[in-house]
Amino acid sequence: MAVAKAVRQPREARRAKRVATDIAVGFREQGQHGTPTRLIDISRYGFRVDVHGLAPDSIVWLRLPDAEPQMARVVWSDHKATGCVFTEMLDVELFRRTIRSGETAAMVIPGPWKPTAA
């Protein structure tokens, strides 16, 4: 008699909840020119931007409003967005200032979140 096994979904290794934003930021790959883009969500550990097609493990720089560029590493990138992890955890005051700077009310995204396939 065959017994069906439940398939376990792997849990995302997210350290903190992300806050949804719609903030204009500067973004660039190491060695490339910067470009303006939209910050989709952010935590003190990482973020998602409206940029696509980057190679995992690429080094990138995120310029938040009124702040120095923050170095990060690409974790994933699909045809809609790119998810990155900061190389150093974002300062709590910079994080708070960033989520308050959005024109729309910030909303906590409970996660886990995974990119959707087209």
N, C-alpha and C. Protein backbone atom coordinates (compact mmCIF):
# COMPACT_ATOMS: atom_id res chain seq x y z
N MET A 1 0.83 -1.17 0.00
CA MET A 1 0.00 0.00 0.00
C MET A 1 0.88 1.24 0.00
N ALA A 2 0.64 2.17 -0.94
CA ALA A 2 1.42 3.39 -1.05
C ALA A 2 0.93 4.42 -0.04
N VAL A 3 1.85 5.09 0.58
CA VAL A 3 1.51 6.13 1.56
C VAL A 3 2.03 7.45 1.03
N ALA A 4 1.15 8.43 0.95
CA ALA A 4 1.55 9.76 0.49
C ALA A 4 2.25 10.49 1.62
N LYS A 5 3.36 11.13 1.28
CA LYS A 5 4.08 11.92 2.26
C LYS A 5 3.81 13.39 2.01
N ALA A 6 3.69 14.11 3.07
CA ALA A 6 3.53 15.57 2.94
C ALA A 6 4.85 16.16 2.49
N VAL A 7 4.79 17.06 1.54
CA VAL A 7 5.99 17.73 1.06
C VAL A 7 6.20 18.97 1.91
N ARG A 8 7.36 19.06 2.51
CA ARG A 8 7.66 20.22 3.35
C ARG A 8 8.20 21.34 2.48
N GLN A 9 7.66 22.50 2.67
CA GLN A 9 8.16 23.68 1.97
C GLN A 9 9.32 24.25 2.78
N PRO A 10 10.45 24.55 2.13
CA PRO A 10 11.55 25.15 2.88
C PRO A 10 11.17 26.54 3.37
N ARG A 11 11.57 26.86 4.58
CA ARG A 11 11.26 28.18 5.15
C ARG A 11 12.33 29.15 4.72
N GLU A 12 11.93 30.34 4.44
CA GLU A 12 12.87 31.38 4.07
C GLU A 12 13.67 31.81 5.28
N ALA A 13 14.94 32.04 5.10
CA ALA A 13 15.82 32.41 6.21
C ALA A 13 15.81 33.92 6.41
N ARG A 14 14.68 34.47 6.73
CA ARG A 14 14.56 35.90 6.95
C ARG A 14 14.78 36.20 8.42
N ARG A 15 15.64 37.16 8.73
CA ARG A 15 15.95 37.51 10.10
C ARG A 15 14.95 38.46 10.72
N ALA A 16 14.26 39.24 9.89
CA ALA A 16 13.32 40.24 10.41
C ALA A 16 12.23 40.48 9.37
N LYS A 17 11.09 40.97 9.85
CA LYS A 17 10.01 41.33 8.93
C LYS A 17 10.44 42.52 8.10
N ARG A 18 9.96 42.54 6.87
CA ARG A 18 10.24 43.67 5.98
C ARG A 18 9.10 44.67 6.07
N VAL A 19 9.42 45.94 5.80
CA VAL A 19 8.43 47.00 5.77
C VAL A 19 8.27 47.43 4.32
N ALA A 20 7.05 47.37 3.81
CA ALA A 20 6.78 47.78 2.43
C ALA A 20 6.95 49.29 2.31
N THR A 21 7.57 49.71 1.22
CA THR A 21 7.79 51.14 0.97
C THR A 21 7.51 51.44 -0.50
N ASP A 22 7.55 52.68 -0.83
CA ASP A 22 7.49 53.12 -2.22
C ASP A 22 8.38 54.35 -2.32
N ILE A 23 9.65 54.18 -1.98
CA ILE A 23 10.59 55.28 -1.85
C ILE A 23 11.55 55.27 -3.04
N ALA A 24 11.83 56.44 -3.59
CA ALA A 24 12.82 56.57 -4.65
C ALA A 24 14.21 56.50 -4.02
N VAL A 25 15.07 55.63 -4.55
CA VAL A 25 16.42 55.44 -4.04
C VAL A 25 17.39 55.37 -5.21
N GLY A 26 18.67 55.50 -4.89
CA GLY A 26 19.72 55.28 -5.87
C GLY A 26 20.22 53.86 -5.73
N PHE A 27 20.60 53.23 -6.84
CA PHE A 27 21.03 51.83 -6.82
C PHE A 27 22.06 51.63 -7.91
N ARG A 28 23.11 50.87 -7.59
CA ARG A 28 24.09 50.54 -8.63
C ARG A 28 24.82 49.26 -8.30
N GLU A 29 25.23 48.56 -9.36
CA GLU A 29 26.13 47.42 -9.20
C GLU A 29 27.54 47.96 -9.04
N GLN A 30 28.37 47.22 -8.32
CA GLN A 30 29.76 47.61 -8.13
C GLN A 30 30.40 47.84 -9.50
N GLY A 31 31.06 48.98 -9.67
CA GLY A 31 31.75 49.29 -10.91
C GLY A 31 30.87 49.85 -12.01
N GLN A 32 29.59 50.05 -11.74
CA GLN A 32 28.66 50.58 -12.74
C GLN A 32 28.14 51.95 -12.31
N HIS A 33 27.49 52.63 -13.22
CA HIS A 33 26.86 53.91 -12.90
C HIS A 33 25.55 53.66 -12.16
N GLY A 34 25.22 54.56 -11.25
CA GLY A 34 23.98 54.45 -10.49
C GLY A 34 22.76 54.80 -11.31
N THR A 35 21.63 54.33 -10.83
CA THR A 35 20.36 54.62 -11.48
C THR A 35 19.29 54.79 -10.41
N PRO A 36 18.33 55.68 -10.63
CA PRO A 36 17.23 55.78 -9.66
C PRO A 36 16.30 54.58 -9.82
N THR A 37 15.75 54.13 -8.72
CA THR A 37 14.80 53.03 -8.73
C THR A 37 13.87 53.16 -7.54
N ARG A 38 13.00 52.17 -7.36
CA ARG A 38 12.02 52.17 -6.28
C ARG A 38 12.37 51.09 -5.27
N LEU A 39 12.40 51.48 -4.00
CA LEU A 39 12.60 50.53 -2.91
C LEU A 39 11.25 49.91 -2.59
N ILE A 40 11.12 48.61 -2.76
CA ILE A 40 9.85 47.92 -2.57
C ILE A 40 9.62 47.58 -1.11
N ASP A 41 10.65 47.04 -0.45
CA ASP A 41 10.56 46.78 0.98
C ASP A 41 11.95 46.75 1.59
N ILE A 42 12.00 46.85 2.93
CA ILE A 42 13.28 46.94 3.60
C ILE A 42 13.17 46.43 5.03
N SER A 43 14.26 45.86 5.54
CA SER A 43 14.43 45.56 6.96
C SER A 43 15.84 46.05 7.30
N ARG A 44 16.25 45.87 8.52
CA ARG A 44 17.62 46.27 8.89
C ARG A 44 18.65 45.33 8.27
N TYR A 45 18.21 44.18 7.76
CA TYR A 45 19.12 43.18 7.21
C TYR A 45 19.15 43.15 5.69
N GLY A 46 18.08 43.58 5.03
CA GLY A 46 18.04 43.49 3.59
C GLY A 46 16.91 44.29 2.98
N PHE A 47 16.75 44.16 1.68
CA PHE A 47 15.76 44.97 0.95
C PHE A 47 15.43 44.33 -0.39
N ARG A 48 14.39 44.85 -1.01
CA ARG A 48 13.98 44.44 -2.35
C ARG A 48 13.79 45.71 -3.16
N VAL A 49 14.34 45.75 -4.37
CA VAL A 49 14.23 46.92 -5.25
C VAL A 49 13.64 46.52 -6.60
N ASP A 50 13.12 47.52 -7.27
CA ASP A 50 12.51 47.36 -8.58
C ASP A 50 13.59 47.36 -9.67
N VAL A 51 14.45 46.37 -9.61
CA VAL A 51 15.54 46.15 -10.57
C VAL A 51 15.53 44.66 -10.87
N HIS A 52 15.85 44.28 -12.07
CA HIS A 52 15.81 42.85 -12.38
C HIS A 52 17.05 42.41 -13.15
N GLY A 53 17.24 41.10 -13.17
CA GLY A 53 18.29 40.50 -13.99
C GLY A 53 19.69 40.55 -13.44
N LEU A 54 19.88 40.72 -12.14
CA LEU A 54 21.22 40.75 -11.57
C LEU A 54 21.64 39.34 -11.14
N ALA A 55 22.94 39.09 -11.20
CA ALA A 55 23.46 37.78 -10.82
C ALA A 55 23.55 37.66 -9.30
N PRO A 56 23.13 36.53 -8.74
CA PRO A 56 23.30 36.31 -7.30
C PRO A 56 24.77 36.48 -6.91
N ASP A 57 24.98 37.02 -5.72
CA ASP A 57 26.30 37.30 -5.14
C ASP A 57 26.97 38.54 -5.71
N SER A 58 26.31 39.27 -6.63
CA SER A 58 26.85 40.54 -7.10
C SER A 58 26.85 41.54 -5.95
N ILE A 59 27.85 42.41 -5.94
CA ILE A 59 27.90 43.48 -4.94
C ILE A 59 27.17 44.69 -5.52
N VAL A 60 26.30 45.27 -4.71
CA VAL A 60 25.52 46.44 -5.13
C VAL A 60 25.57 47.50 -4.03
N TRP A 61 25.16 48.71 -4.39
CA TRP A 61 25.12 49.83 -3.45
C TRP A 61 23.73 50.44 -3.49
N LEU A 62 23.15 50.68 -2.32
CA LEU A 62 21.84 51.29 -2.19
C LEU A 62 22.01 52.64 -1.51
N ARG A 63 21.52 53.71 -2.16
CA ARG A 63 21.57 55.04 -1.55
C ARG A 63 20.17 55.41 -1.09
N LEU A 64 19.98 55.39 0.22
CA LEU A 64 18.71 55.78 0.83
C LEU A 64 18.65 57.30 0.92
N PRO A 65 17.47 57.89 1.04
CA PRO A 65 17.36 59.35 1.13
C PRO A 65 18.21 59.92 2.27
N ASP A 66 18.99 60.94 1.96
CA ASP A 66 19.82 61.65 2.94
C ASP A 66 20.78 60.72 3.69
N ALA A 67 21.37 59.76 2.99
CA ALA A 67 22.29 58.82 3.64
C ALA A 67 23.42 58.44 2.69
N GLU A 68 24.50 57.96 3.26
CA GLU A 68 25.61 57.43 2.48
C GLU A 68 25.18 56.10 1.85
N PRO A 69 25.79 55.72 0.72
CA PRO A 69 25.45 54.43 0.11
C PRO A 69 25.74 53.27 1.05
N GLN A 70 24.88 52.26 0.99
CA GLN A 70 25.00 51.06 1.82
C GLN A 70 25.34 49.88 0.92
N MET A 71 26.40 49.15 1.25
CA MET A 71 26.80 47.99 0.44
C MET A 71 25.91 46.79 0.76
N ALA A 72 25.61 46.01 -0.28
CA ALA A 72 24.78 44.83 -0.13
C ALA A 72 25.20 43.77 -1.14
N ARG A 73 24.66 42.56 -0.96
CA ARG A 73 24.92 41.45 -1.87
C ARG A 73 23.59 40.96 -2.41
N VAL A 74 23.53 40.71 -3.71
CA VAL A 74 22.32 40.18 -4.34
C VAL A 74 22.12 38.74 -3.89
N VAL A 75 20.91 38.44 -3.39
CA VAL A 75 20.56 37.08 -2.99
C VAL A 75 19.79 36.40 -4.12
N TRP A 76 18.87 37.12 -4.72
CA TRP A 76 18.09 36.60 -5.84
C TRP A 76 17.65 37.76 -6.73
N SER A 77 17.34 37.45 -7.97
CA SER A 77 16.83 38.44 -8.91
C SER A 77 15.98 37.71 -9.93
N ASP A 78 14.77 38.21 -10.16
CA ASP A 78 13.91 37.62 -11.18
C ASP A 78 13.54 38.69 -12.19
N HIS A 79 12.51 38.46 -12.97
CA HIS A 79 12.12 39.41 -14.02
C HIS A 79 11.38 40.64 -13.49
N LYS A 80 11.14 40.70 -12.17
CA LYS A 80 10.42 41.83 -11.59
C LYS A 80 11.23 42.62 -10.57
N ALA A 81 12.06 41.96 -9.80
CA ALA A 81 12.72 42.64 -8.68
C ALA A 81 14.01 41.91 -8.29
N THR A 82 14.74 42.53 -7.37
CA THR A 82 15.97 41.95 -6.84
C THR A 82 15.95 42.04 -5.33
N GLY A 83 16.30 40.95 -4.66
CA GLY A 83 16.40 40.91 -3.21
C GLY A 83 17.85 40.88 -2.79
N CYS A 84 18.20 41.71 -1.81
CA CYS A 84 19.59 41.85 -1.38
C CYS A 84 19.69 41.79 0.14
N VAL A 85 20.88 41.46 0.61
CA VAL A 85 21.18 41.47 2.04
C VAL A 85 22.30 42.49 2.25
N PHE A 86 22.13 43.36 3.25
CA PHE A 86 23.17 44.33 3.56
C PHE A 86 24.42 43.61 4.06
N THR A 87 25.61 44.13 3.72
CA THR A 87 26.84 43.53 4.24
C THR A 87 27.01 43.86 5.72
N GLU A 88 26.46 44.98 6.15
CA GLU A 88 26.42 45.34 7.57
C GLU A 88 24.99 45.75 7.90
N MET A 89 24.48 45.27 9.02
CA MET A 89 23.10 45.58 9.40
C MET A 89 22.90 47.10 9.39
N LEU A 90 21.76 47.52 8.86
CA LEU A 90 21.43 48.93 8.75
C LEU A 90 21.23 49.55 10.14
N ASP A 91 21.80 50.72 10.34
CA ASP A 91 21.64 51.45 11.59
C ASP A 91 20.16 51.66 11.89
N VAL A 92 19.75 51.48 13.12
CA VAL A 92 18.34 51.55 13.49
C VAL A 92 17.75 52.94 13.20
N GLU A 93 18.50 54.00 13.43
CA GLU A 93 17.97 55.34 13.15
C GLU A 93 17.80 55.58 11.66
N LEU A 94 18.74 55.11 10.85
CA LEU A 94 18.61 55.22 9.39
C LEU A 94 17.41 54.41 8.91
N PHE A 95 17.22 53.21 9.46
CA PHE A 95 16.07 52.39 9.10
C PHE A 95 14.77 53.12 9.43
N ARG A 96 14.66 53.65 10.63
CA ARG A 96 13.43 54.36 11.03
C ARG A 96 13.19 55.59 10.16
N ARG A 97 14.24 56.34 9.89
CA ARG A 97 14.12 57.53 9.04
C ARG A 97 13.67 57.14 7.64
N THR A 98 14.19 56.03 7.13
CA THR A 98 13.83 55.57 5.78
C THR A 98 12.35 55.20 5.69
N ILE A 99 11.86 54.43 6.65
CA ILE A 99 10.46 54.01 6.54
C ILE A 99 9.50 55.15 6.82
N ARG A 100 9.97 56.18 7.55
CA ARG A 100 9.12 57.36 7.76
C ARG A 100 9.12 58.29 6.56
N SER A 101 10.13 58.17 5.68
CA SER A 101 10.25 59.08 4.55
C SER A 101 9.31 58.75 3.40
N GLY A 102 8.70 57.57 3.43
CA GLY A 102 7.80 57.19 2.35
C GLY A 102 6.55 58.05 2.32
N GLU A 103 6.05 58.31 1.12
CA GLU A 103 4.84 59.12 0.98
C GLU A 103 3.59 58.34 1.38
N THR A 104 3.66 57.03 1.29
CA THR A 104 2.53 56.21 1.70
C THR A 104 2.82 55.60 3.05
N ALA A 105 1.81 55.19 3.74
CA ALA A 105 2.00 54.59 5.06
C ALA A 105 2.76 53.28 4.94
N ALA A 106 3.73 53.07 5.79
CA ALA A 106 4.51 51.83 5.78
C ALA A 106 3.63 50.69 6.27
N MET A 107 3.86 49.52 5.71
CA MET A 107 3.08 48.34 6.08
C MET A 107 4.04 47.19 6.32
N VAL A 108 3.90 46.49 7.42
CA VAL A 108 4.76 45.35 7.71
C VAL A 108 4.34 44.17 6.87
N ILE A 109 5.31 43.54 6.21
CA ILE A 109 5.07 42.34 5.42
C ILE A 109 5.45 41.15 6.29
N PRO A 110 4.50 40.26 6.62
CA PRO A 110 4.77 39.21 7.57
C PRO A 110 5.72 38.12 7.09
N GLY A 111 5.83 37.87 5.78
CA GLY A 111 6.74 36.84 5.29
C GLY A 111 6.27 35.44 5.69
N PRO A 112 6.86 34.35 5.29
CA PRO A 112 7.97 34.43 4.36
C PRO A 112 7.50 34.86 2.97
N TRP A 113 8.38 35.54 2.25
CA TRP A 113 8.06 35.99 0.91
C TRP A 113 9.03 35.35 -0.05
N LYS A 114 8.52 34.91 -1.17
CA LYS A 114 9.35 34.34 -2.22
C LYS A 114 8.95 34.96 -3.54
N PRO A 115 9.93 35.16 -4.44
CA PRO A 115 9.58 35.72 -5.74
C PRO A 115 8.64 34.77 -6.49
N THR A 116 7.72 35.34 -7.25
CA THR A 116 6.79 34.52 -8.01
C THR A 116 7.33 34.29 -9.41
N ALA A 117 7.04 33.15 -9.94
CA ALA A 117 7.46 32.83 -11.30
C ALA A 117 6.47 33.42 -12.29
N ALA A 118 6.95 33.75 -13.45
CA ALA A 118 6.07 34.34 -14.48
C ALA A 118 5.23 33.29 -15.12
